[in-house]
């Protein structure tokens, strides 16, 4: 993968050879752009489906349960809660700016947002439904049938339409206009002295080798624990990371580099949700990935920079979901 090779090369140059990556950083790090070319009708339908708990067996869980748009697009707990209070195996990544990712899920097993959207619905540890049952629920509700027909021009609903609509809504969930973006665009007063010092540390230490692009991450897969091993709290199958997808032992403990956009809101951190503060996250990443121990002042400056990455949060009217009918399958929230 080209992006992975680029990141690896920059890391060697910037972190281990001691050379500056300033020039590369200024080219690779870009402001988040507002969403473009959105099908508004499809996105509006997708918004309803994103908040629709009747796509779960319990009738209680929705996409927003784990990717709460009031909380940075995640759930702010170490691992998510699934059907029957099941403990999820991995920390939920934010859905904000997820359209900028090279792939979806931390191990990249879904190629795009559309493929990702179908996964949790049918996962017995998450929404615990089936695609057929989810479609049956939607088809039992006249308002949904009419809206799907208007958007897709078909009389019959299918799961492909469901996931396409959810993905279209998720494409709108970008967060432009952070203070760092304003600085990148030329407003040199947007960052104070400590925040600017944190940015300089971030790029000159080699962090930008993996955290680049509009999202400052999400563009490559990297091993967690290059200089020192990471002691994970996750089950063994999760620690395989990208290796669970590729089947290659060399990809074990490789994960998609998380976006740093809105990172102040998306705690706890890492795939196992073991780290709750940015201070600790910066310390861990410095030691494990770069072989560098930041001083308290340096750490505080990097954290100050990271807090400038919070952009405009999505703003929209909460969708009003159409009521069930006599024909709508009933939820079974306590079924095993």
C-alpha atoms as a PDB file:
ATOM      1  CA  UNK A   1       0.000   0.000   0.000  1.00  0.00           C
ATOM      2  CA  UNK A   2       1.435   3.325  -1.072  1.00  0.00           C
ATOM      3  CA  UNK A   3       0.264   5.246   1.990  1.00  0.00           C
ATOM      4  CA  UNK A   4       1.802   2.748   4.324  1.00  0.00           C
ATOM      5  CA  UNK A   5       5.173   2.912   2.553  1.00  0.00           C
ATOM      6  CA  UNK A   6       5.111   6.690   2.695  1.00  0.00           C
ATOM      7  CA  UNK A   7       4.350   6.679   6.394  1.00  0.00           C
ATOM      8  CA  UNK A   8       7.090   4.176   7.128  1.00  0.00           C
ATOM      9  CA  UNK A   9       9.629   6.184   5.152  1.00  0.00           C
ATOM     10  CA  UNK A  10       8.717   9.414   6.886  1.00  0.00           C
ATOM     11  CA  UNK A  11       8.945   7.761  10.285  1.00  0.00           C
ATOM     12  CA  UNK A  12      12.471   6.571   9.598  1.00  0.00           C
ATOM     13  CA  UNK A  13      13.516   9.964   8.339  1.00  0.00           C
ATOM     14  CA  UNK A  14      11.747  12.054  10.936  1.00  0.00           C
ATOM     15  CA  UNK A  15      11.966   9.959  14.070  1.00  0.00           C
ATOM     16  CA  UNK A  16      15.028   7.787  13.885  1.00  0.00           C
ATOM     17  CA  UNK A  17      17.414   9.719  11.673  1.00  0.00           C
ATOM     18  CA  UNK A  18      16.676  12.927  13.544  1.00  0.00           C
ATOM     19  CA  UNK A  19      15.950  14.871  10.366  1.00  0.00           C
ATOM     20  CA  UNK A  20      13.192  17.460  10.092  1.00  0.00           C
ATOM     21  CA  UNK A  21       9.968  16.482   8.383  1.00  0.00           C
ATOM     22  CA  UNK A  22       8.781  20.082   8.264  1.00  0.00           C
ATOM     23  CA  UNK A  23       8.573  20.289   4.483  1.00  0.00           C
ATOM     24  CA  UNK A  24       6.741  16.994   4.169  1.00  0.00           C
ATOM     25  CA  UNK A  25       4.416  17.875   7.035  1.00  0.00           C
ATOM     26  CA  UNK A  26       3.338  21.174   5.535  1.00  0.00           C
ATOM     27  CA  UNK A  27       2.462  19.317   2.315  1.00  0.00           C
ATOM     28  CA  UNK A  28       0.767  16.270   3.832  1.00  0.00           C
ATOM     29  CA  UNK A  29      -1.328  17.866   6.589  1.00  0.00           C
ATOM     30  CA  UNK A  30      -4.371  19.616   5.133  1.00  0.00           C
ATOM     31  CA  UNK A  31      -7.494  21.342   6.454  1.00  0.00           C
ATOM     32  CA  UNK A  32     -10.690  19.312   6.617  1.00  0.00           C
ATOM     33  CA  UNK A  33     -13.001  20.261   3.783  1.00  0.00           C
ATOM     34  CA  UNK A  34     -16.802  20.560   4.092  1.00  0.00           C
ATOM     35  CA  UNK A  35     -18.784  17.645   2.661  1.00  0.00           C
ATOM     36  CA  UNK A  36     -19.396  17.890  -1.074  1.00  0.00           C
ATOM     37  CA  UNK A  37     -21.564  16.158  -3.675  1.00  0.00           C
ATOM     38  CA  UNK A  38     -24.012  14.791  -1.114  1.00  0.00           C
ATOM     39  CA  UNK A  39     -27.343  13.351  -2.221  1.00  0.00           C
ATOM     40  CA  UNK A  40     -29.511  15.248   0.263  1.00  0.00           C
ATOM     41  CA  UNK A  41     -32.535  12.989   0.065  1.00  0.00           C
ATOM     42  CA  UNK A  42     -30.428   9.875   0.532  1.00  0.00           C
ATOM     43  CA  UNK A  43     -28.465  11.454   3.398  1.00  0.00           C
ATOM     44  CA  UNK A  44     -31.719  12.433   5.132  1.00  0.00           C
ATOM     45  CA  UNK A  45     -32.935   8.835   4.905  1.00  0.00           C
ATOM     46  CA  UNK A  46     -29.535   7.636   6.092  1.00  0.00           C
ATOM     47  CA  UNK A  47     -29.761   9.955   9.096  1.00  0.00           C
ATOM     48  CA  UNK A  48     -33.013   8.295  10.149  1.00  0.00           C
ATOM     49  CA  UNK A  49     -31.451   4.856   9.743  1.00  0.00           C
ATOM     50  CA  UNK A  50     -28.353   5.912  11.718  1.00  0.00           C
ATOM     51  CA  UNK A  51     -30.626   6.714  14.668  1.00  0.00           C
ATOM     52  CA  UNK A  52     -33.046   3.798  14.042  1.00  0.00           C
ATOM     53  CA  UNK A  53     -33.005   1.348  17.000  1.00  0.00           C
ATOM     54  CA  UNK A  54     -35.465  -0.983  15.275  1.00  0.00           C
ATOM     55  CA  UNK A  55     -32.568  -2.189  13.117  1.00  0.00           C
ATOM     56  CA  UNK A  56     -31.433  -4.091  16.231  1.00  0.00           C
ATOM     57  CA  UNK A  57     -32.900  -7.198  17.833  1.00  0.00           C
ATOM     58  CA  UNK A  58     -33.534  -5.304  21.069  1.00  0.00           C
ATOM     59  CA  UNK A  59     -35.162  -2.333  19.403  1.00  0.00           C
ATOM     60  CA  UNK A  60     -32.853  -0.248  21.577  1.00  0.00           C
ATOM     61  CA  UNK A  61     -29.426  -0.071  19.900  1.00  0.00           C
ATOM     62  CA  UNK A  62     -28.658   2.055  16.858  1.00  0.00           C
ATOM     63  CA  UNK A  63     -25.545   3.214  15.030  1.00  0.00           C
ATOM     64  CA  UNK A  64     -25.624   6.258  17.289  1.00  0.00           C
ATOM     65  CA  UNK A  65     -25.364   4.056  20.390  1.00  0.00           C
ATOM     66  CA  UNK A  66     -21.680   3.383  19.765  1.00  0.00           C
ATOM     67  CA  UNK A  67     -21.025   6.422  17.553  1.00  0.00           C
ATOM     68  CA  UNK A  68     -22.792   9.087  19.554  1.00  0.00           C
ATOM     69  CA  UNK A  69     -22.866  12.310  17.559  1.00  0.00           C
ATOM     70  CA  UNK A  70     -23.236  14.298  20.772  1.00  0.00           C
ATOM     71  CA  UNK A  71     -19.928  12.872  22.031  1.00  0.00           C
ATOM     72  CA  UNK A  72     -17.458  13.124  19.210  1.00  0.00           C
ATOM     73  CA  UNK A  73     -18.909  10.224  17.231  1.00  0.00           C
ATOM     74  CA  UNK A  74     -17.983   7.549  19.763  1.00  0.00           C
ATOM     75  CA  UNK A  75     -19.268   6.211  23.102  1.00  0.00           C
ATOM     76  CA  UNK A  76     -16.449   7.274  25.469  1.00  0.00           C
ATOM     77  CA  UNK A  77     -16.116   3.860  27.105  1.00  0.00           C
ATOM     78  CA  UNK A  78     -13.227   1.379  26.692  1.00  0.00           C
ATOM     79  CA  UNK A  79     -15.212  -1.113  24.595  1.00  0.00           C
ATOM     80  CA  UNK A  80     -18.779  -0.821  23.381  1.00  0.00           C
ATOM     81  CA  UNK A  81     -21.898  -2.440  24.840  1.00  0.00           C
ATOM     82  CA  UNK A  82     -23.782  -4.831  22.584  1.00  0.00           C
ATOM     83  CA  UNK A  83     -26.994  -6.841  22.737  1.00  0.00           C
ATOM     84  CA  UNK A  84     -27.805  -8.198  26.204  1.00  0.00           C
ATOM     85  CA  UNK A  85     -25.101  -5.994  27.696  1.00  0.00           C
ATOM     86  CA  UNK A  86     -22.365  -7.933  25.935  1.00  0.00           C
ATOM     87  CA  UNK A  87     -18.931  -6.397  26.245  1.00  0.00           C
ATOM     88  CA  UNK A  88     -17.476  -5.547  22.880  1.00  0.00           C
ATOM     89  CA  UNK A  89     -13.933  -6.664  22.096  1.00  0.00           C
ATOM     90  CA  UNK A  90     -12.570  -3.336  20.864  1.00  0.00           C
ATOM     91  CA  UNK A  91     -12.824   0.416  21.325  1.00  0.00           C
ATOM     92  CA  UNK A  92     -15.294   2.068  18.948  1.00  0.00           C
ATOM     93  CA  UNK A  93     -13.507   4.484  16.581  1.00  0.00           C
ATOM     94  CA  UNK A  94     -15.172   7.804  15.898  1.00  0.00           C
ATOM     95  CA  UNK A  95     -17.528   8.039  12.936  1.00  0.00           C
ATOM     96  CA  UNK A  96     -16.588  11.714  12.454  1.00  0.00           C
ATOM     97  CA  UNK A  97     -14.451  12.191   9.341  1.00  0.00           C
ATOM     98  CA  UNK A  98     -14.642   8.431   8.721  1.00  0.00           C
ATOM     99  CA  UNK A  99     -15.204   9.107   5.026  1.00  0.00           C
ATOM    100  CA  UNK A 100     -11.529  10.127   4.905  1.00  0.00           C
ATOM    101  CA  UNK A 101     -10.322   6.685   6.034  1.00  0.00           C
ATOM    102  CA  UNK A 102      -8.503   4.300   3.719  1.00  0.00           C
ATOM    103  CA  UNK A 103     -10.759   1.524   5.099  1.00  0.00           C
ATOM    104  CA  UNK A 104     -13.229   1.007   7.951  1.00  0.00           C
ATOM    105  CA  UNK A 105     -12.945  -0.725  11.338  1.00  0.00           C
ATOM    106  CA  UNK A 106      -9.643  -0.678  13.192  1.00  0.00           C
ATOM    107  CA  UNK A 107      -8.416  -3.715  11.269  1.00  0.00           C
ATOM    108  CA  UNK A 108      -9.636  -2.361   7.925  1.00  0.00           C
ATOM    109  CA  UNK A 109     -11.875  -5.337   7.184  1.00  0.00           C
ATOM    110  CA  UNK A 110     -14.492  -3.138   5.490  1.00  0.00           C
ATOM    111  CA  UNK A 111     -13.417  -1.367   2.330  1.00  0.00           C
ATOM    112  CA  UNK A 112     -15.756   1.596   2.730  1.00  0.00           C
ATOM    113  CA  UNK A 113     -18.574   3.131   4.767  1.00  0.00           C
ATOM    114  CA  UNK A 114     -21.237   1.173   2.910  1.00  0.00           C
ATOM    115  CA  UNK A 115     -19.631  -2.171   3.719  1.00  0.00           C
ATOM    116  CA  UNK A 116     -19.078  -1.124   7.310  1.00  0.00           C
ATOM    117  CA  UNK A 117     -22.698  -0.093   7.843  1.00  0.00           C
ATOM    118  CA  UNK A 118     -23.990  -3.617   7.377  1.00  0.00           C
ATOM    119  CA  UNK A 119     -21.614  -5.231   9.851  1.00  0.00           C
ATOM    120  CA  UNK A 120     -22.991  -4.182  13.263  1.00  0.00           C
ATOM    121  CA  UNK A 121     -26.621  -4.881  12.302  1.00  0.00           C
ATOM    122  CA  UNK A 122     -25.925  -8.599  11.796  1.00  0.00           C
ATOM    123  CA  UNK A 123     -23.197  -8.991  14.421  1.00  0.00           C
ATOM    124  CA  UNK A 124     -24.556 -11.114  17.319  1.00  0.00           C
ATOM    125  CA  UNK A 125     -22.361  -9.184  19.741  1.00  0.00           C
ATOM    126  CA  UNK A 126     -23.619  -5.805  18.582  1.00  0.00           C
ATOM    127  CA  UNK A 127     -27.119  -5.159  17.200  1.00  0.00           C
ATOM    128  CA  UNK A 128     -27.722  -8.935  16.951  1.00  0.00           C
ATOM    129  CA  UNK A 129     -30.258  -8.753  14.107  1.00  0.00           C
ATOM    130  CA  UNK A 130     -30.173 -10.097  10.557  1.00  0.00           C
ATOM    131  CA  UNK A 131     -30.249  -8.104   7.350  1.00  0.00           C
ATOM    132  CA  UNK A 132     -33.487  -9.800   6.316  1.00  0.00           C
ATOM    133  CA  UNK A 133     -35.219  -8.965   9.589  1.00  0.00           C
ATOM    134  CA  UNK A 134     -33.983  -5.372   9.441  1.00  0.00           C
ATOM    135  CA  UNK A 135     -35.458  -5.007   5.957  1.00  0.00           C
ATOM    136  CA  UNK A 136     -38.718  -6.610   7.147  1.00  0.00           C
ATOM    137  CA  UNK A 137     -39.020  -3.963   9.851  1.00  0.00           C
ATOM    138  CA  UNK A 138     -38.500  -1.129   7.379  1.00  0.00           C
ATOM    139  CA  UNK A 139     -40.919  -2.604   4.833  1.00  0.00           C
ATOM    140  CA  UNK A 140     -43.623  -2.865   7.503  1.00  0.00           C
ATOM    141  CA  UNK A 141     -43.615   0.928   7.933  1.00  0.00           C
ATOM    142  CA  UNK A 142     -45.372   2.841   5.110  1.00  0.00           C
ATOM    143  CA  UNK A 143     -43.410   6.054   5.676  1.00  0.00           C
ATOM    144  CA  UNK A 144     -40.134   4.196   5.179  1.00  0.00           C
ATOM    145  CA  UNK A 145     -41.413   2.413   2.086  1.00  0.00           C
ATOM    146  CA  UNK A 146     -42.381   5.753   0.564  1.00  0.00           C
ATOM    147  CA  UNK A 147     -39.062   7.384   1.422  1.00  0.00           C
ATOM    148  CA  UNK A 148     -36.995   4.498   0.055  1.00  0.00           C
ATOM    149  CA  UNK A 149     -39.079   4.543  -3.130  1.00  0.00           C
ATOM    150  CA  UNK A 150     -38.503   8.288  -3.513  1.00  0.00           C
ATOM    151  CA  UNK A 151     -34.740   8.011  -2.956  1.00  0.00           C
ATOM    152  CA  UNK A 152     -33.968   4.790  -4.840  1.00  0.00           C
ATOM    153  CA  UNK A 153     -36.837   4.535  -7.309  1.00  0.00           C
ATOM    154  CA  UNK A 154     -37.635   0.940  -6.331  1.00  0.00           C
ATOM    155  CA  UNK A 155     -40.719  -0.624  -4.777  1.00  0.00           C
ATOM    156  CA  UNK A 156     -38.809  -3.117  -2.666  1.00  0.00           C
ATOM    157  CA  UNK A 157     -36.309  -2.279   0.086  1.00  0.00           C
ATOM    158  CA  UNK A 158     -33.074  -4.253   0.342  1.00  0.00           C
ATOM    159  CA  UNK A 159     -30.029  -4.117   2.601  1.00  0.00           C
ATOM    160  CA  UNK A 160     -27.915  -2.586  -0.145  1.00  0.00           C
ATOM    161  CA  UNK A 161     -30.162   0.482  -0.094  1.00  0.00           C
ATOM    162  CA  UNK A 162     -30.018   0.605   3.714  1.00  0.00           C
ATOM    163  CA  UNK A 163     -26.226   0.599   3.867  1.00  0.00           C
ATOM    164  CA  UNK A 164     -25.914   2.991   0.932  1.00  0.00           C
ATOM    165  CA  UNK A 165     -28.152   5.531   2.679  1.00  0.00           C
ATOM    166  CA  UNK A 166     -26.329   5.234   6.010  1.00  0.00           C
ATOM    167  CA  UNK A 167     -23.000   5.708   4.243  1.00  0.00           C
ATOM    168  CA  UNK A 168     -24.296   8.813   2.452  1.00  0.00           C
ATOM    169  CA  UNK A 169     -25.289  10.352   5.797  1.00  0.00           C
ATOM    170  CA  UNK A 170     -21.929   9.450   7.330  1.00  0.00           C
ATOM    171  CA  UNK A 171     -20.180  11.300   4.498  1.00  0.00           C
ATOM    172  CA  UNK A 172     -21.709  14.488   5.880  1.00  0.00           C
ATOM    173  CA  UNK A 173     -20.062  13.974   9.284  1.00  0.00           C
ATOM    174  CA  UNK A 174     -16.896  15.952   8.620  1.00  0.00           C
ATOM    175  CA  UNK A 175     -15.627  18.550  11.081  1.00  0.00           C
ATOM    176  CA  UNK A 176     -13.959  21.509   9.346  1.00  0.00           C
ATOM    177  CA  UNK A 177     -12.880  24.861  10.796  1.00  0.00           C
ATOM    178  CA  UNK A 178     -10.785  23.711  13.727  1.00  0.00           C
ATOM    179  CA  UNK A 179      -8.353  26.312  15.029  1.00  0.00           C
ATOM    180  CA  UNK A 180      -5.525  24.302  13.470  1.00  0.00           C
ATOM    181  CA  UNK A 181      -7.326  24.419  10.125  1.00  0.00           C
ATOM    182  CA  UNK A 182      -7.642  28.177  10.423  1.00  0.00           C
ATOM    183  CA  UNK A 183      -3.909  28.355  11.143  1.00  0.00           C
ATOM    184  CA  UNK A 184      -3.153  26.194   8.108  1.00  0.00           C
ATOM    185  CA  UNK A 185      -5.232  28.565   6.003  1.00  0.00           C
ATOM    186  CA  UNK A 186      -3.153  31.530   7.082  1.00  0.00           C
ATOM    187  CA  UNK A 187      -4.615  32.811  10.353  1.00  0.00           C
ATOM    188  CA  UNK A 188      -1.398  32.861  12.366  1.00  0.00           C
ATOM    189  CA  UNK A 189      -3.234  34.067  15.472  1.00  0.00           C
ATOM    190  CA  UNK A 190      -5.333  30.903  15.584  1.00  0.00           C
ATOM    191  CA  UNK A 191      -2.680  29.070  17.645  1.00  0.00           C
ATOM    192  CA  UNK A 192      -0.989  30.385  20.773  1.00  0.00           C
ATOM    193  CA  UNK A 193       2.693  29.892  21.577  1.00  0.00           C
ATOM    194  CA  UNK A 194       2.265  26.571  23.414  1.00  0.00           C
ATOM    195  CA  UNK A 195      -0.009  25.138  20.716  1.00  0.00           C
ATOM    196  CA  UNK A 196       2.420  26.147  18.002  1.00  0.00           C
ATOM    197  CA  UNK A 197       5.295  24.619  19.965  1.00  0.00           C
ATOM    198  CA  UNK A 198       3.201  21.440  20.235  1.00  0.00           C
ATOM    199  CA  UNK A 199       2.694  21.382  16.461  1.00  0.00           C
ATOM    200  CA  UNK A 200       6.432  21.771  15.911  1.00  0.00           C
ATOM    201  CA  UNK A 201       7.128  18.905  18.318  1.00  0.00           C
ATOM    202  CA  UNK A 202       4.442  16.810  16.644  1.00  0.00           C
ATOM    203  CA  UNK A 203       5.921  17.168  13.172  1.00  0.00           C
ATOM    204  CA  UNK A 204       9.617  17.166  14.093  1.00  0.00           C
ATOM    205  CA  UNK A 205       9.315  14.146  16.393  1.00  0.00           C
ATOM    206  CA  UNK A 206       7.861  12.074  13.561  1.00  0.00           C
ATOM    207  CA  UNK A 207       4.206  11.894  14.660  1.00  0.00           C
ATOM    208  CA  UNK A 208       3.196  13.269  11.279  1.00  0.00           C
ATOM    209  CA  UNK A 209       4.707  10.189   9.646  1.00  0.00           C
ATOM    210  CA  UNK A 210       1.486   8.346  10.469  1.00  0.00           C
ATOM    211  CA  UNK A 211      -0.915  11.152  11.355  1.00  0.00           C
ATOM    212  CA  UNK A 212      -1.180  13.064   8.101  1.00  0.00           C
ATOM    213  CA  UNK A 213      -3.816  14.015   5.534  1.00  0.00           C
ATOM    214  CA  UNK A 214      -7.041  15.872   6.246  1.00  0.00           C
ATOM    215  CA  UNK A 215      -7.920  13.573   9.142  1.00  0.00           C
ATOM    216  CA  UNK A 216      -4.383  13.423  10.594  1.00  0.00           C
ATOM    217  CA  UNK A 217      -4.673   9.656  10.464  1.00  0.00           C
ATOM    218  CA  UNK A 218      -6.820   6.934   8.938  1.00  0.00           C
ATOM    219  CA  UNK A 219      -4.661   6.658   5.834  1.00  0.00           C
ATOM    220  CA  UNK A 220      -2.407   3.710   6.719  1.00  0.00           C
ATOM    221  CA  UNK A 221      -1.961   0.672   8.950  1.00  0.00           C
ATOM    222  CA  UNK A 222       0.890   0.694  11.447  1.00  0.00           C
ATOM    223  CA  UNK A 223       2.195  -1.561  14.173  1.00  0.00           C
ATOM    224  CA  UNK A 224       1.402  -0.443  17.706  1.00  0.00           C
ATOM    225  CA  UNK A 225       4.620  -0.881  19.650  1.00  0.00           C
ATOM    226  CA  UNK A 226       7.603  -0.313  17.366  1.00  0.00           C
ATOM    227  CA  UNK A 227      10.279   0.579  19.908  1.00  0.00           C
ATOM    228  CA  UNK A 228       8.615  -1.052  22.920  1.00  0.00           C
ATOM    229  CA  UNK A 229       5.786  -3.612  22.908  1.00  0.00           C
ATOM    230  CA  UNK A 230       2.287  -2.456  23.782  1.00  0.00           C
ATOM    231  CA  UNK A 231       0.729  -4.470  26.604  1.00  0.00           C
ATOM    232  CA  UNK A 232      -2.847  -4.788  25.439  1.00  0.00           C
ATOM    233  CA  UNK A 233      -5.934  -5.405  27.552  1.00  0.00           C
ATOM    234  CA  UNK A 234      -7.780  -6.835  24.547  1.00  0.00           C
ATOM    235  CA  UNK A 235      -8.495 -10.523  23.837  1.00  0.00           C
ATOM    236  CA  UNK A 236      -5.954 -12.399  21.729  1.00  0.00           C
ATOM    237  CA  UNK A 237      -8.086 -12.373  18.574  1.00  0.00           C
ATOM    238  CA  UNK A 238      -8.340  -8.581  18.657  1.00  0.00           C
ATOM    239  CA  UNK A 239      -4.611  -8.105  19.159  1.00  0.00           C
ATOM    240  CA  UNK A 240      -4.107  -9.749  15.783  1.00  0.00           C
ATOM    241  CA  UNK A 241      -5.263  -6.440  14.352  1.00  0.00           C
ATOM    242  CA  UNK A 242      -4.748  -6.251  10.609  1.00  0.00           C
ATOM    243  CA  UNK A 243      -3.355  -9.786  10.736  1.00  0.00           C
ATOM    244  CA  UNK A 244      -6.864 -11.127  11.365  1.00  0.00           C
ATOM    245  CA  UNK A 245      -7.797  -9.774   7.926  1.00  0.00           C
ATOM    246  CA  UNK A 246      -4.665 -10.574   5.921  1.00  0.00           C
ATOM    247  CA  UNK A 247      -3.733 -13.808   7.681  1.00  0.00           C
ATOM    248  CA  UNK A 248      -0.140 -12.597   7.868  1.00  0.00           C
ATOM    249  CA  UNK A 249       1.701 -12.823  11.158  1.00  0.00           C
ATOM    250  CA  UNK A 250       3.675  -9.730  10.153  1.00  0.00           C
ATOM    251  CA  UNK A 251       0.418  -7.743  10.369  1.00  0.00           C
ATOM    252  CA  UNK A 252      -0.268  -8.776  13.947  1.00  0.00           C
ATOM    253  CA  UNK A 253      -0.799  -5.736  16.175  1.00  0.00           C
ATOM    254  CA  UNK A 254      -1.103  -3.526  13.101  1.00  0.00           C
ATOM    255  CA  UNK A 255      -4.073  -1.206  13.261  1.00  0.00           C
ATOM    256  CA  UNK A 256      -5.459   1.572  11.154  1.00  0.00           C
ATOM    257  CA  UNK A 257      -3.879   4.782  12.405  1.00  0.00           C
ATOM    258  CA  UNK A 258      -6.702   6.645  14.194  1.00  0.00           C
ATOM    259  CA  UNK A 259      -7.662  10.130  13.190  1.00  0.00           C
ATOM    260  CA  UNK A 260      -6.582  12.848  15.593  1.00  0.00           C
ATOM    261  CA  UNK A 261      -9.410  15.129  14.582  1.00  0.00           C
ATOM    262  CA  UNK A 262     -11.589  15.898  17.636  1.00  0.00           C
ATOM    263  CA  UNK A 263      -9.271  13.684  19.689  1.00  0.00           C
ATOM    264  CA  UNK A 264     -10.001  15.731  22.818  1.00  0.00           C
ATOM    265  CA  UNK A 265     -13.555  14.332  22.626  1.00  0.00           C
ATOM    266  CA  UNK A 266     -12.865  10.708  21.671  1.00  0.00           C
ATOM    267  CA  UNK A 267     -11.338   9.241  24.841  1.00  0.00           C
ATOM    268  CA  UNK A 268     -10.474   6.604  25.952  1.00  0.00           C
ATOM    269  CA  UNK A 269      -7.702   5.912  23.487  1.00  0.00           C
ATOM    270  CA  UNK A 270      -6.152   3.003  21.545  1.00  0.00           C
ATOM    271  CA  UNK A 271      -7.874  -0.137  20.299  1.00  0.00           C
ATOM    272  CA  UNK A 272      -8.437  -1.417  23.842  1.00  0.00           C
ATOM    273  CA  UNK A 273      -9.580   1.910  25.306  1.00  0.00           C
ATOM    274  CA  UNK A 274      -6.995   1.551  28.059  1.00  0.00           C
ATOM    275  CA  UNK A 275      -5.796   5.167  28.155  1.00  0.00           C
ATOM    276  CA  UNK A 276      -8.127   7.917  29.328  1.00  0.00           C
ATOM    277  CA  UNK A 277      -6.063  11.093  29.020  1.00  0.00           C
ATOM    278  CA  UNK A 278      -4.242  12.795  26.173  1.00  0.00           C
ATOM    279  CA  UNK A 279      -1.275  13.293  28.480  1.00  0.00           C
ATOM    280  CA  UNK A 280      -0.875   9.537  28.933  1.00  0.00           C
ATOM    281  CA  UNK A 281      -1.577   8.849  25.258  1.00  0.00           C
ATOM    282  CA  UNK A 282       1.177  11.249  24.180  1.00  0.00           C
ATOM    283  CA  UNK A 283       3.589   9.656  26.646  1.00  0.00           C
ATOM    284  CA  UNK A 284       2.759   6.121  25.477  1.00  0.00           C
ATOM    285  CA  UNK A 285       3.025   6.958  21.780  1.00  0.00           C
ATOM    286  CA  UNK A 286       6.262   8.864  22.267  1.00  0.00           C
ATOM    287  CA  UNK A 287       7.931   5.956  24.049  1.00  0.00           C
ATOM    288  CA  UNK A 288       6.467   3.023  22.101  1.00  0.00           C
ATOM    289  CA  UNK A 289       6.441   4.459  18.596  1.00  0.00           C
ATOM    290  CA  UNK A 290       9.259   7.008  18.579  1.00  0.00           C
ATOM    291  CA  UNK A 291      11.588   5.949  21.385  1.00  0.00           C
ATOM    292  CA  UNK A 292      11.220   9.405  22.884  1.00  0.00           C
ATOM    293  CA  UNK A 293      10.334  10.464  26.412  1.00  0.00           C
ATOM    294  CA  UNK A 294       8.681  13.870  26.308  1.00  0.00           C
ATOM    295  CA  UNK A 295       9.318  16.241  29.203  1.00  0.00           C
ATOM    296  CA  UNK A 296       6.284  17.458  31.130  1.00  0.00           C
ATOM    297  CA  UNK A 297       6.454  20.754  29.245  1.00  0.00           C
ATOM    298  CA  UNK A 298       6.769  19.064  25.863  1.00  0.00           C
ATOM    299  CA  UNK A 299       3.906  16.723  26.678  1.00  0.00           C
ATOM    300  CA  UNK A 300       1.698  19.636  27.695  1.00  0.00           C
ATOM    301  CA  UNK A 301       2.549  21.452  24.459  1.00  0.00           C
ATOM    302  CA  UNK A 302       1.671  18.459  22.280  1.00  0.00           C
ATOM    303  CA  UNK A 303      -1.598  18.051  24.198  1.00  0.00           C
ATOM    304  CA  UNK A 304      -2.332  21.744  23.707  1.00  0.00           C
ATOM    305  CA  UNK A 305      -1.836  21.283  19.962  1.00  0.00           C
ATOM    306  CA  UNK A 306      -4.076  18.212  19.851  1.00  0.00           C
ATOM    307  CA  UNK A 307      -6.882  20.200  21.462  1.00  0.00           C
ATOM    308  CA  UNK A 308      -6.815  22.626  18.531  1.00  0.00           C
ATOM    309  CA  UNK A 309      -7.984  19.802  16.242  1.00  0.00           C
ATOM    310  CA  UNK A 310     -11.623  19.946  17.381  1.00  0.00           C
ATOM    311  CA  UNK A 311     -13.680  21.213  14.453  1.00  0.00           C
ATOM    312  CA  UNK A 312     -17.273  22.203  13.896  1.00  0.00           C
ATOM    313  CA  UNK A 313     -19.448  19.336  15.118  1.00  0.00           C
ATOM    314  CA  UNK A 314     -22.300  18.129  12.888  1.00  0.00           C
ATOM    315  CA  UNK A 315     -25.451  20.167  13.429  1.00  0.00           C
ATOM    316  CA  UNK A 316     -28.852  18.971  12.230  1.00  0.00           C
ATOM    317  CA  UNK A 317     -32.399  18.473  13.411  1.00  0.00           C
ATOM    318  CA  UNK A 318     -32.861  15.226  15.301  1.00  0.00           C
ATOM    319  CA  UNK A 319     -34.747  12.877  12.961  1.00  0.00           C
ATOM    320  CA  UNK A 320     -38.307  11.990  13.896  1.00  0.00           C
ATOM    321  CA  UNK A 321     -38.674   8.286  13.156  1.00  0.00           C
ATOM    322  CA  UNK A 322     -41.974   6.984  11.748  1.00  0.00           C
ATOM    323  CA  UNK A 323     -44.052   4.851  14.124  1.00  0.00           C
ATOM    324  CA  UNK A 324     -44.299   1.102  13.895  1.00  0.00           C
ATOM    325  CA  UNK A 325     -47.432  -0.523  12.563  1.00  0.00           C
ATOM    326  CA  UNK A 326     -49.384  -3.610  13.551  1.00  0.00           C
ATOM    327  CA  UNK A 327     -47.259  -5.530  11.041  1.00  0.00           C
ATOM    328  CA  UNK A 328     -43.890  -4.377  12.385  1.00  0.00           C
ATOM    329  CA  UNK A 329     -41.936  -7.226  14.041  1.00  0.00           C
ATOM    330  CA  UNK A 330     -41.731  -6.614  17.763  1.00  0.00           C
ATOM    331  CA  UNK A 331     -38.352  -6.046  19.431  1.00  0.00           C
ATOM    332  CA  UNK A 332     -36.998  -8.688  21.798  1.00  0.00           C
ATOM    333  CA  UNK A 333     -34.702  -6.724  24.108  1.00  0.00           C
ATOM    334  CA  UNK A 334     -34.184  -9.528  26.602  1.00  0.00           C
ATOM    335  CA  UNK A 335     -33.901 -12.461  24.216  1.00  0.00           C
ATOM    336  CA  UNK A 336     -30.727 -14.494  24.464  1.00  0.00           C
END
